[in-house]
Amino acid sequence: MLGWLAAFCVFWATASLYLGGMNVELEGGSGPRQLIGLLGMLVLFLIVWRILDALLGGFGGIPGVVLPIVLSVLSLPLVARAAFALVGVKVRKGAGAH
């Protein structure tokens, strides 16, 4: 049960770093569509985490909790592209600074 809470909290920190701190831009869609895409991203992230937890949770202890979360975080760019594509918003690399 504690793993869900950890994955949920880690999602918000990593999603804000990915969408706000990395060189990506959301193209198309209004504010509500982008919000729905963000919530879809949360759902897909938790689904990926749950699948990895079911597969790797047998390690027990710290590795059984940390390993699925780390692998879910590494899949965040793919999850973001899939979730935003469902609502018609594209995630692209941002323009380079001059």
Protein backbone atom coordinates (compact mmCIF):
# COMPACT_ATOMS: atom_id res chain seq x y z
CA MET A 1 0.00 0.00 0.00
CA LEU A 2 2.86 2.36 0.74
CA GLY A 3 4.28 1.78 -2.73
CA TRP A 4 1.28 3.51 -4.36
CA LEU A 5 1.85 6.59 -2.24
CA ALA A 6 5.56 6.64 -3.08
CA ALA A 7 4.88 6.24 -6.81
CA PHE A 8 2.18 8.93 -6.71
CA CYS A 9 4.48 11.43 -4.98
CA VAL A 10 7.46 10.63 -7.19
CA PHE A 11 5.30 11.16 -10.27
CA TRP A 12 4.53 14.81 -9.46
CA ALA A 13 8.18 15.64 -8.79
CA THR A 14 9.51 13.92 -11.90
CA ALA A 15 6.69 15.09 -14.18
CA SER A 16 7.32 18.70 -13.18
CA LEU A 17 11.04 18.25 -13.82
CA TYR A 18 10.42 16.57 -17.18
CA LEU A 19 7.75 18.95 -18.49
CA GLY A 20 9.09 22.13 -16.93
CA GLY A 21 12.81 21.64 -16.64
CA MET A 22 13.74 19.58 -19.66
CA ASN A 23 13.82 20.91 -23.18
CA VAL A 24 10.31 19.79 -24.21
CA GLU A 25 7.29 21.74 -25.39
CA LEU A 26 3.63 20.84 -25.58
CA GLU A 27 2.18 21.71 -28.98
CA GLY A 28 -1.50 22.03 -29.69
CA GLY A 29 -4.48 21.63 -27.49
CA SER A 30 -6.05 24.03 -25.07
CA GLY A 31 -5.41 24.26 -21.35
CA PRO A 32 -8.11 21.71 -20.44
CA ARG A 33 -6.73 19.23 -23.00
CA GLN A 34 -3.25 19.60 -21.57
CA LEU A 35 -4.62 19.10 -18.05
CA ILE A 36 -6.41 15.94 -19.16
CA GLY A 37 -3.15 14.82 -20.79
CA LEU A 38 -1.31 15.38 -17.50
CA LEU A 39 -3.89 13.34 -15.60
CA GLY A 40 -3.66 10.65 -18.28
CA MET A 41 0.08 10.71 -17.82
CA LEU A 42 -0.44 10.06 -14.10
CA VAL A 43 -2.73 7.11 -14.82
CA LEU A 44 -0.34 5.59 -17.37
CA PHE A 45 2.61 6.14 -15.00
CA LEU A 46 0.79 4.30 -12.22
CA ILE A 47 -0.16 1.49 -14.60
CA VAL A 48 3.48 1.09 -15.68
CA TRP A 49 4.55 1.21 -12.04
CA ARG A 50 1.97 -1.43 -11.07
CA ILE A 51 3.09 -3.79 -13.84
CA LEU A 52 6.73 -3.37 -12.86
CA ASP A 53 5.85 -3.78 -9.20
CA ALA A 54 4.07 -7.04 -9.97
CA LEU A 55 7.08 -8.27 -11.94
CA LEU A 56 9.88 -6.98 -9.70
CA GLY A 57 8.19 -6.65 -6.33
CA GLY A 58 9.24 -10.15 -5.39
CA PHE A 59 12.71 -8.88 -4.54
CA GLY A 60 11.28 -7.60 -1.27
CA GLY A 61 12.51 -4.79 0.90
CA ILE A 62 14.02 -1.65 -0.54
CA PRO A 63 14.82 -3.07 -4.03
CA GLY A 64 11.25 -4.32 -4.37
CA VAL A 65 9.94 -0.77 -3.89
CA VAL A 66 12.69 1.37 -5.41
CA LEU A 67 13.41 -0.61 -8.58
CA PRO A 68 9.86 -0.40 -10.03
CA ILE A 69 9.71 3.33 -9.25
CA VAL A 70 13.09 4.03 -10.87
CA LEU A 71 12.17 2.08 -14.00
CA SER A 72 8.81 3.89 -14.14
CA VAL A 73 10.58 7.24 -13.91
CA LEU A 74 12.88 6.23 -16.77
CA SER A 75 9.81 5.43 -18.89
CA LEU A 76 8.32 8.89 -18.24
CA PRO A 77 9.15 10.35 -21.70
CA LEU A 78 7.33 7.49 -23.42
CA VAL A 79 4.42 7.72 -20.99
CA ALA A 80 4.17 11.49 -21.57
CA ARG A 81 4.12 11.13 -25.34
CA ALA A 82 1.46 8.41 -25.18
CA ALA A 83 -0.78 10.23 -22.69
CA PHE A 84 -0.68 13.57 -24.48
CA ALA A 85 -1.16 11.90 -27.87
CA LEU A 86 -4.45 10.46 -26.61
CA VAL A 87 -5.86 14.00 -26.28
CA GLY A 88 -4.22 15.41 -29.42
CA VAL A 89 -1.26 17.24 -27.87
CA LYS A 90 2.26 16.66 -29.15
CA VAL A 91 5.33 16.55 -26.92
CA ARG A 92 8.34 17.80 -28.88
CA LYS A 93 11.87 18.84 -28.18
CA GLY A 94 12.10 22.53 -27.50
CA ALA A 95 14.01 24.96 -29.62
CA GLY A 96 17.64 25.38 -28.68
CA ALA A 97 18.73 28.55 -26.95
CA HIS A 98 20.70 31.04 -29.00
